[in-house]
Protein backbone atom coordinates (compact mmCIF):
# COMPACT_ATOMS: atom_id res chain seq x y z
CA MET A 1 80.44 -40.96 21.54
CA THR A 2 77.92 -40.98 18.04
CA ALA A 3 80.75 -39.60 16.27
CA VAL A 4 82.66 -42.84 16.91
CA LEU A 5 79.76 -44.84 15.96
CA ILE A 6 79.61 -43.61 12.91
CA ILE A 7 82.93 -43.44 12.06
CA LEU A 8 83.52 -46.82 13.39
CA LEU A 9 81.00 -48.35 10.49
CA PHE A 10 82.14 -45.97 7.77
CA VAL A 11 85.70 -47.12 8.22
CA PHE A 12 85.10 -50.88 8.20
CA LEU A 13 82.52 -50.48 5.51
CA LEU A 14 85.05 -48.39 3.13
CA ALA A 15 87.75 -50.95 4.51
CA GLY A 16 85.89 -53.98 2.46
CA PHE A 17 84.97 -55.80 5.85
CA PRO A 18 80.98 -57.48 5.34
CA LEU A 19 78.42 -55.18 6.49
CA TYR A 20 77.66 -57.25 9.92
CA ILE A 21 81.32 -57.08 11.13
CA GLY A 22 80.53 -53.41 10.83
CA LEU A 23 77.63 -53.27 12.64
CA ILE A 24 78.66 -55.77 15.44
CA VAL A 25 82.11 -54.07 16.11
CA ALA A 26 81.31 -50.43 16.00
CA PRO A 27 78.41 -50.53 18.84
CA LEU A 28 80.97 -53.06 21.01
CA ALA A 29 83.53 -50.55 21.03
CA VAL A 30 81.36 -47.79 21.86
CA ALA A 31 79.93 -50.37 24.89
CA ILE A 32 83.39 -50.83 26.06
CA LEU A 33 84.65 -47.30 25.45
CA TYR A 34 81.41 -45.35 27.45
CA PHE A 35 79.69 -48.38 29.19
CA PRO A 36 81.97 -50.89 30.68
CA GLN A 37 79.58 -52.25 32.81
CA LEU A 38 77.79 -53.89 30.02
CA GLY A 39 79.16 -57.12 29.52
CA LEU A 40 80.18 -59.26 26.39
CA ASP A 41 77.86 -61.49 27.41
CA MET A 42 74.83 -58.75 27.15
CA ILE A 43 76.31 -58.18 23.29
CA MET A 44 75.85 -61.83 22.51
CA GLN A 45 72.16 -62.14 24.24
CA GLN A 46 71.19 -59.27 21.81
CA LEU A 47 72.41 -60.91 18.73
CA MET A 48 69.93 -63.97 19.85
CA VAL A 49 67.07 -61.33 20.44
CA GLY A 50 67.80 -59.76 17.03
CA VAL A 51 66.33 -62.85 15.31
CA GLN A 52 64.26 -64.42 18.08
CA SER A 53 60.89 -62.83 16.21
CA SER A 54 58.37 -65.34 15.42
CA SER A 55 57.36 -62.75 12.59
CA LEU A 56 60.52 -63.52 11.00
CA LEU A 57 59.70 -66.86 10.29
CA ALA A 58 57.93 -65.23 7.36
CA ILE A 59 60.96 -64.56 5.45
CA PRO A 60 62.36 -67.87 4.51
CA MET A 61 58.70 -69.43 3.87
CA TYR A 62 58.29 -66.49 1.29
CA ILE A 63 61.42 -67.20 -0.24
CA LEU A 64 61.02 -70.81 -0.24
CA ALA A 65 57.72 -70.52 -2.04
CA ALA A 66 59.10 -68.22 -4.41
CA GLU A 67 61.93 -70.58 -4.70
CA ILE A 68 59.42 -73.87 -5.99
CA MET A 69 57.86 -71.62 -8.20
CA VAL A 70 60.81 -70.24 -9.79
CA HIS A 71 62.13 -73.93 -10.75
CA GLY A 72 58.60 -75.16 -11.41
CA GLN A 73 56.29 -73.90 -13.97
CA ALA A 74 53.93 -71.27 -12.16
CA ALA A 75 56.14 -68.36 -12.53
CA ARG A 76 55.88 -69.19 -16.69
CA ARG A 77 52.39 -69.43 -16.45
CA LEU A 78 51.55 -66.57 -14.93
CA LEU A 79 53.81 -64.52 -17.42
CA ASN A 80 52.35 -66.17 -20.41
CA LEU A 81 48.38 -64.60 -18.54
CA ILE A 82 49.29 -61.26 -18.33
CA ASP A 83 51.40 -61.19 -21.82
CA SER A 84 48.24 -62.68 -23.57
CA PHE A 85 45.91 -59.80 -22.42
CA LEU A 86 48.80 -57.20 -22.58
CA GLY A 87 51.10 -58.26 -25.47
CA HIS A 88 49.21 -56.83 -28.18
CA ILE A 89 49.30 -52.93 -26.54
CA HIS A 90 51.98 -50.34 -26.99
CA GLY A 91 54.62 -51.00 -25.00
CA GLY A 92 52.82 -54.19 -23.88
CA LEU A 93 55.77 -56.86 -23.86
CA ALA A 94 57.34 -53.88 -21.35
CA ILE A 95 53.95 -53.65 -19.36
CA THR A 96 53.90 -57.52 -19.22
CA ALA A 97 57.23 -57.42 -17.48
CA GLU A 98 56.26 -54.84 -14.80
CA ALA A 99 52.78 -56.54 -14.15
CA THR A 100 54.46 -60.21 -13.62
CA CYS A 101 57.01 -58.43 -11.32
CA THR A 102 54.03 -57.27 -9.63
CA VAL A 103 52.32 -60.50 -9.38
CA PHE A 104 55.54 -61.94 -8.73
CA GLY A 105 56.60 -59.56 -5.51
CA ALA A 106 52.43 -61.05 -4.44
CA ILE A 107 54.54 -64.60 -4.30
CA SER A 108 58.06 -64.02 -3.21
CA GLY A 109 58.22 -60.72 -1.58
CA SER A 110 61.57 -59.92 -2.72
CA ALA A 111 62.68 -58.06 -5.44
CA VAL A 112 66.00 -59.98 -6.46
CA ALA A 113 63.74 -63.17 -6.39
CA THR A 114 61.64 -61.00 -8.64
CA MET A 115 64.23 -59.84 -11.15
CA VAL A 116 65.74 -63.48 -11.20
CA ALA A 117 61.96 -64.79 -12.32
CA VAL A 118 60.92 -62.07 -14.57
CA GLY A 119 63.88 -60.94 -16.02
CA LYS A 120 65.75 -63.35 -17.80
CA PRO A 121 62.58 -65.10 -19.46
CA LEU A 122 61.53 -62.07 -21.01
CA ARG A 123 64.72 -60.13 -21.95
CA PRO A 124 65.14 -61.99 -25.38
CA GLY A 125 61.06 -61.22 -26.18
CA LEU A 126 61.74 -57.54 -25.46
CA LEU A 127 65.35 -57.05 -27.37
CA ASP A 128 63.10 -59.18 -30.49
CA SER A 129 60.98 -56.03 -30.27
CA GLY A 130 63.39 -53.48 -30.47
CA TYR A 131 63.84 -52.51 -27.18
CA SER A 132 67.34 -51.60 -26.26
CA ASP A 133 69.32 -53.79 -23.68
CA SER A 134 69.92 -50.96 -21.45
CA HIS A 135 65.95 -50.03 -21.22
CA ILE A 136 65.42 -53.55 -20.48
CA VAL A 137 67.86 -53.83 -17.80
CA ALA A 138 66.63 -50.51 -16.34
CA MET A 139 62.89 -51.61 -16.63
CA MET A 140 63.54 -54.75 -14.79
CA MET A 141 65.79 -53.29 -11.95
CA ALA A 142 62.79 -50.53 -11.41
CA ALA A 143 59.68 -52.56 -11.74
CA SER A 144 61.18 -55.32 -9.31
CA ASN A 145 61.16 -52.97 -6.72
CA ILE A 146 56.95 -53.39 -7.00
CA ALA A 147 57.75 -56.50 -4.64
CA PHE A 148 59.15 -53.80 -1.97
CA LEU A 149 55.42 -52.75 -1.83
CA ILE A 150 52.97 -55.53 -2.78
CA PRO A 151 52.50 -58.01 0.33
CA PRO A 152 53.96 -60.47 1.41
CA SER A 153 57.11 -57.61 1.28
CA VAL A 154 60.41 -59.02 3.36
CA VAL A 155 61.40 -55.03 3.26
CA MET A 156 57.79 -54.63 5.45
CA ILE A 157 58.32 -57.28 7.58
CA MET A 158 61.67 -55.96 8.84
CA TYR A 159 59.90 -52.82 8.87
CA CYS A 160 57.69 -54.28 11.35
CA VAL A 161 59.99 -56.28 13.16
CA VAL A 162 62.11 -53.06 14.08
CA THR A 163 58.76 -50.66 14.90
CA GLY A 164 56.17 -52.93 16.64
CA THR A 165 53.70 -52.04 13.38
CA SER A 166 50.98 -54.74 12.81
CA VAL A 167 52.64 -56.80 9.45
CA ALA A 168 49.03 -57.44 8.52
CA ASP A 169 48.14 -53.64 8.45
CA MET A 170 51.37 -52.74 6.60
CA PHE A 171 50.59 -55.92 4.21
CA ILE A 172 47.27 -54.51 2.98
CA ALA A 173 48.40 -50.28 3.27
CA GLY A 174 50.83 -51.78 0.41
CA VAL A 175 48.46 -52.68 -1.68
CA ILE A 176 47.28 -49.40 -3.57
CA PRO A 177 51.14 -47.69 -3.46
CA GLY A 178 52.12 -51.06 -5.44
CA LEU A 179 49.65 -50.96 -8.44
CA LEU A 180 50.01 -46.90 -8.40
CA LEU A 181 53.74 -47.64 -9.21
CA LEU A 182 52.85 -50.36 -11.27
CA LEU A 183 50.50 -47.96 -12.94
CA VAL A 184 53.08 -45.00 -13.62
CA PHE A 185 55.42 -47.19 -15.19
CA ALA A 186 53.37 -48.71 -17.47
CA VAL A 187 52.22 -45.23 -18.59
CA TYR A 188 55.89 -44.59 -19.13
CA ASP A 189 56.25 -47.59 -21.14
CA TYR A 190 53.19 -47.27 -23.11
CA LEU A 191 54.56 -43.32 -24.27
CA TYR A 192 58.08 -44.83 -24.63
CA ALA A 193 56.62 -47.49 -27.47
CA ARG A 194 54.52 -45.17 -29.26
CA LYS A 195 57.41 -42.41 -29.65
CA ASN A 196 59.79 -45.06 -30.52
CA HIS A 197 57.32 -47.75 -32.81
CA LEU A 198 58.44 -50.27 -31.26
CA THR A 199 56.19 -53.59 -32.48
CA THR A 200 53.82 -55.08 -30.77
CA LYS A 201 52.31 -58.69 -30.67
CA SER A 202 49.03 -60.08 -32.71
CA ARG A 203 46.25 -59.56 -30.30
CA LYS A 204 45.33 -62.86 -28.62
CA SER A 205 41.71 -63.92 -29.00
CA TRP A 206 39.43 -64.60 -26.20
CA ARG A 207 39.61 -68.49 -26.72
CA GLU A 208 43.63 -68.12 -25.81
CA ARG A 209 43.62 -65.31 -23.22
CA LEU A 210 41.04 -68.07 -21.09
CA VAL A 211 43.61 -71.47 -22.23
CA SER A 212 46.11 -68.94 -20.64
CA LEU A 213 43.62 -68.02 -17.32
CA LYS A 214 43.16 -71.67 -17.01
CA GLU A 215 46.96 -72.73 -17.11
CA ALA A 216 47.31 -70.04 -14.47
CA LEU A 217 44.92 -70.04 -12.08
CA LEU A 218 46.18 -72.52 -9.50
CA SER A 219 48.95 -70.04 -9.78
CA LEU A 220 47.43 -66.77 -8.95
CA GLY A 221 45.78 -68.93 -6.18
CA LEU A 222 49.50 -68.66 -3.96
CA PRO A 223 48.93 -64.55 -3.42
CA ALA A 224 45.11 -65.32 -2.98
CA ILE A 225 45.96 -67.80 -0.15
CA ILE A 226 48.12 -65.68 1.29
CA LEU A 227 46.19 -62.13 1.35
CA GLY A 228 42.90 -63.84 1.93
CA SER A 229 44.02 -66.09 4.88
CA ILE A 230 45.74 -63.21 7.01
CA TYR A 231 42.68 -60.38 6.09
CA THR A 232 40.23 -62.81 6.89
CA GLY A 233 41.93 -63.66 10.34
CA PHE A 234 42.08 -67.84 9.06
CA ALA A 235 45.92 -67.18 9.47
CA SER A 236 48.73 -64.61 10.78
CA PRO A 237 51.24 -63.50 8.25
CA THR A 238 54.07 -66.35 9.49
CA GLU A 239 51.31 -68.91 9.20
CA ALA A 240 50.34 -67.57 5.79
CA ALA A 241 53.76 -67.99 4.67
CA ALA A 242 53.68 -71.81 5.82
CA LEU A 243 50.79 -72.14 3.73
CA SER A 244 52.52 -70.38 0.46
CA VAL A 245 55.29 -73.17 0.88
CA LEU A 246 52.37 -76.36 1.24
CA TYR A 247 50.37 -74.68 -1.85
CA ALA A 248 53.54 -74.01 -3.93
CA VAL A 249 54.93 -78.00 -3.26
CA PHE A 250 51.30 -79.12 -3.75
CA ILE A 251 50.82 -77.51 -7.45
CA GLU A 252 54.47 -78.17 -8.79
CA LEU A 253 55.04 -81.36 -6.99
CA VAL A 254 51.61 -82.81 -7.34
CA ILE A 255 49.79 -80.94 -10.37
CA TYR A 256 52.60 -79.41 -12.72
CA ARG A 257 54.63 -82.19 -12.30
CA SER A 258 57.23 -79.77 -12.51
CA ILE A 259 59.80 -80.84 -10.03
CA ARG A 260 60.92 -83.96 -8.28
CA ILE A 261 61.39 -84.78 -4.44
CA ARG A 262 65.07 -84.79 -4.92
CA ASP A 263 64.83 -80.99 -6.15
CA ILE A 264 63.22 -79.71 -3.26
CA LEU A 265 66.96 -80.06 -1.38
CA PRO A 266 68.97 -77.90 -3.64
CA ILE A 267 66.07 -75.46 -3.51
CA ALA A 268 65.74 -75.41 -0.01
CA TYR A 269 69.78 -75.45 -0.13
CA ASN A 270 69.50 -72.01 -2.37
CA THR A 271 66.85 -70.35 0.35
CA ALA A 272 68.66 -71.33 3.24
CA ILE A 273 72.09 -69.23 1.85
CA VAL A 274 69.80 -66.38 1.35
CA THR A 275 67.80 -66.71 4.62
CA ALA A 276 70.64 -67.18 6.12
CA THR A 277 72.49 -63.78 5.41
CA ILE A 278 69.24 -62.10 6.27
CA MET A 279 69.46 -63.25 9.44
CA VAL A 280 72.93 -62.49 10.33
CA LEU A 281 72.27 -58.80 9.20
CA ILE A 282 69.55 -58.92 11.10
CA ALA A 283 71.43 -59.93 14.68
CA ALA A 284 74.33 -57.51 14.00
CA GLY A 285 71.36 -54.69 13.55
CA GLN A 286 70.06 -55.64 16.63
CA VAL A 287 73.59 -54.74 18.21
CA PHE A 288 73.61 -51.71 16.69
CA SER A 289 70.05 -50.75 17.74
CA TRP A 290 70.07 -51.81 21.29
CA VAL A 291 73.70 -50.25 21.59
CA ILE A 292 72.19 -46.76 20.55
CA THR A 293 69.08 -46.92 22.52
CA TYR A 294 71.11 -47.58 25.74
CA ALA A 295 73.11 -44.49 24.90
CA ASN A 296 69.73 -43.20 25.07
CA ILE A 297 70.77 -41.81 21.46
CA PRO A 298 67.80 -41.50 19.59
CA ASN A 299 65.85 -39.72 22.68
CA MET A 300 68.47 -37.03 22.53
CA LEU A 301 67.84 -36.63 18.77
CA THR A 302 64.41 -36.84 19.21
CA ARG A 303 63.93 -33.81 21.72
CA ALA A 304 66.52 -32.13 19.19
CA VAL A 305 64.72 -32.09 16.25
CA LEU A 306 61.15 -31.67 18.34
CA GLN A 307 62.53 -28.12 19.53
CA LEU A 308 62.44 -26.70 15.77
CA ASN A 309 59.07 -27.76 15.69
CA PRO A 310 59.16 -29.91 12.58
CA SER A 311 55.80 -30.44 10.56
CA GLY A 312 54.98 -34.07 9.85
CA THR A 313 55.66 -33.34 6.00
CA MET A 314 59.29 -32.07 6.95
CA VAL A 315 59.84 -34.88 9.41
CA LEU A 316 59.39 -37.25 6.17
CA LEU A 317 60.80 -35.40 3.90
CA ILE A 318 64.16 -35.69 5.93
CA THR A 319 63.52 -39.28 6.53
CA SER A 320 63.08 -39.80 2.69
CA LEU A 321 66.64 -38.05 2.33
CA ILE A 322 68.27 -40.29 5.10
CA PHE A 323 67.07 -43.31 3.21
CA PHE A 324 67.53 -42.69 -0.55
CA VAL A 325 71.16 -41.55 0.42
CA ALA A 326 71.60 -44.53 2.68
CA CYS A 327 70.40 -47.15 0.10
CA MET A 328 72.43 -45.49 -2.08
CA PHE A 329 75.39 -47.29 -0.78
CA VAL A 330 74.12 -50.20 2.13
CA ASP A 331 71.23 -52.86 1.21
CA CYS A 332 67.82 -51.25 2.48
CA MET A 333 67.45 -54.02 5.45
CA PRO A 334 70.74 -53.01 7.47
CA VAL A 335 69.15 -49.27 6.27
CA ILE A 336 66.25 -49.97 8.30
CA MET A 337 68.08 -51.64 11.70
CA ILE A 338 70.08 -48.65 11.75
CA VAL A 339 68.43 -45.74 10.92
CA ILE A 340 64.57 -46.42 11.80
CA PRO A 341 65.26 -46.86 15.67
CA ILE A 342 66.28 -43.59 15.54
CA LEU A 343 63.92 -41.81 13.33
CA TYR A 344 60.62 -43.81 14.61
CA PRO A 345 60.14 -41.89 17.67
CA ILE A 346 60.40 -38.49 15.70
CA ALA A 347 57.99 -39.33 13.58
CA VAL A 348 55.58 -40.55 16.09
CA ALA A 349 56.21 -37.42 17.96
CA ALA A 350 55.50 -35.41 14.94
CA GLY A 351 51.79 -37.41 14.53
CA ILE A 352 53.13 -39.25 11.51
CA ASP A 353 50.84 -42.64 10.98
CA PRO A 354 53.17 -45.29 11.54
CA ILE A 355 51.86 -47.45 8.12
CA HIS A 356 52.24 -43.92 6.05
CA LEU A 357 55.87 -43.72 7.39
CA GLY A 358 56.24 -47.49 6.49
CA ILE A 359 55.23 -47.07 2.95
CA VAL A 360 57.44 -43.88 2.30
CA VAL A 361 60.45 -46.02 3.85
CA VAL A 362 59.88 -48.73 2.04
CA ALA A 363 59.40 -47.05 -1.45
CA GLN A 364 62.70 -44.86 -0.49
CA ALA A 365 64.24 -48.05 -0.17
CA GLY A 366 63.44 -49.17 -3.22
CA LEU A 367 64.58 -46.03 -5.13
CA GLY A 368 67.98 -45.73 -3.51
CA SER A 369 68.56 -49.76 -4.63
CA ILE A 370 68.47 -48.56 -8.49
CA THR A 371 70.15 -44.98 -7.67
CA PRO A 372 73.72 -44.75 -8.75
CA PRO A 373 76.70 -45.37 -7.47
CA PHE A 374 75.82 -48.08 -5.38
CA GLY A 375 72.81 -49.08 -5.50
CA ALA A 376 72.15 -52.86 -4.37
CA ASN A 377 69.93 -53.96 -7.65
CA ILE A 378 72.48 -52.13 -9.86
CA PHE A 379 75.17 -54.56 -8.87
CA THR A 380 72.31 -57.45 -8.64
CA ALA A 381 71.50 -56.51 -12.50
CA CYS A 382 75.15 -56.57 -13.84
CA VAL A 383 75.39 -60.43 -12.18
CA LEU A 384 72.20 -61.45 -13.86
CA PHE A 385 71.96 -59.94 -16.64
CA GLU A 386 76.04 -60.19 -17.35
CA LYS A 387 76.33 -56.39 -17.95
CA LYS A 388 78.86 -53.86 -17.53
CA PHE A 389 77.81 -51.51 -14.64
CA THR A 390 78.01 -48.11 -17.41
CA GLU A 391 75.78 -50.47 -19.67
CA VAL A 392 72.97 -50.93 -16.89
CA LEU A 393 73.07 -47.05 -16.11
CA LYS A 394 72.58 -45.67 -19.56
CA GLY A 395 68.59 -46.66 -19.25
CA VAL A 396 67.96 -46.28 -15.69
CA TRP A 397 67.88 -42.10 -15.54
CA PRO A 398 63.88 -42.12 -16.30
CA TYR A 399 63.19 -44.54 -14.04
CA LEU A 400 64.82 -42.66 -11.21
CA ILE A 401 62.63 -39.64 -12.19
CA ILE A 402 59.67 -41.38 -12.30
CA PHE A 403 60.11 -42.86 -8.83
CA LEU A 404 61.56 -39.95 -7.31
CA ALA A 405 58.25 -38.08 -8.56
CA TYR A 406 56.11 -40.96 -7.36
CA CYS A 407 58.06 -41.05 -3.50
CA ILE A 408 57.21 -37.15 -3.33
CA LEU A 409 53.89 -37.41 -4.35
CA LEU A 410 53.58 -40.77 -1.54
CA VAL A 411 54.95 -37.89 1.04
CA PHE A 412 52.23 -35.33 0.42
CA VAL A 413 49.48 -37.95 0.16
CA PRO A 414 49.11 -40.02 3.01
CA GLN A 415 45.84 -41.29 1.93
CA ILE A 416 47.42 -43.85 -0.69
CA SER A 417 48.95 -45.11 1.85
CA THR A 418 46.12 -46.06 4.96
CA MET A 419 42.93 -45.48 3.00
CA LEU A 420 42.92 -49.61 3.19
CA THR A 421 43.84 -49.36 6.69
């Protein structure tokens, strides 16, 4: 039964069908063959159940807030602020890009949105400073994944929906790992710039920095509102997402006047396309999860693994390996929906903190997304920067090694993930 499920899923993927087709048809076939008592109406019901969680309402709103700020001035003002403080040091422009990815990740929660918002504006300046195009693209691919860890992460929300973990707890737990990943990348680019004698910008005066800070102050208010409202108890993560949209509309439409009322419709249209894609995958993933749960597959695997008496560290390493490999081939969202219902009971039974597990999973999802041959961010970068596949891969290997070492550190030092919860 399990073999039939997996084989059918891979057959549909290799045949070029959209991912959601495999996620629905494979468990449907297993249900018909092995559980004829399950009617099609129950399958349809699970499709609806998959998108009924109120936590999912946060996803389109965070995406919409990010779209508004990308089309307006907020993203550029944030970039100018960070550049005024870091642009003059070795690797300053690269570190500026990575820091901006981190800040924008705290606005959008999306790696793709972060790459679009930061990558295109900064690429010409990085080229002028002597960075190779392959290094720039690889850096943007890697740094955009900091958005997976920095709240409000869309991937974290998905993990919480599947496992029932507190979204607020996951958000606060991601702050330290996200900043640590930024620091690791920044150290590498500092050493890279010194070794290659890359040019730096002139140091900005404190007056110029204060001007940049003043211009970006309202833009910085968005992550402050999101995190502050959640952690003070003023709003739930979903309500904070709604507040972020209102705030983004207010500053861009009323204060900056960088967008007009008529611009809202195409911005909302872009958001709807992205949201629809995510929701279809979530609904399909729910069917898959429900059928394997009904077939008692997670419990059977849990008993089999626990008979081996594995340590918590061993379970985390196995989980990391599975996500690392799976996310090379498939976007992390469906991987979470397929794999977590199987591995989560095993991890909990082994005594692993769900928050620690979640941070490890999210980090591995980011690592897999930039890993050849089929990491999702690789193809996004090919389209965004108009580069061939082989060109994109040239500069990615140092970041892969750094990212891999970072993920191993997360496994063996759980305090990084749990110190704020």
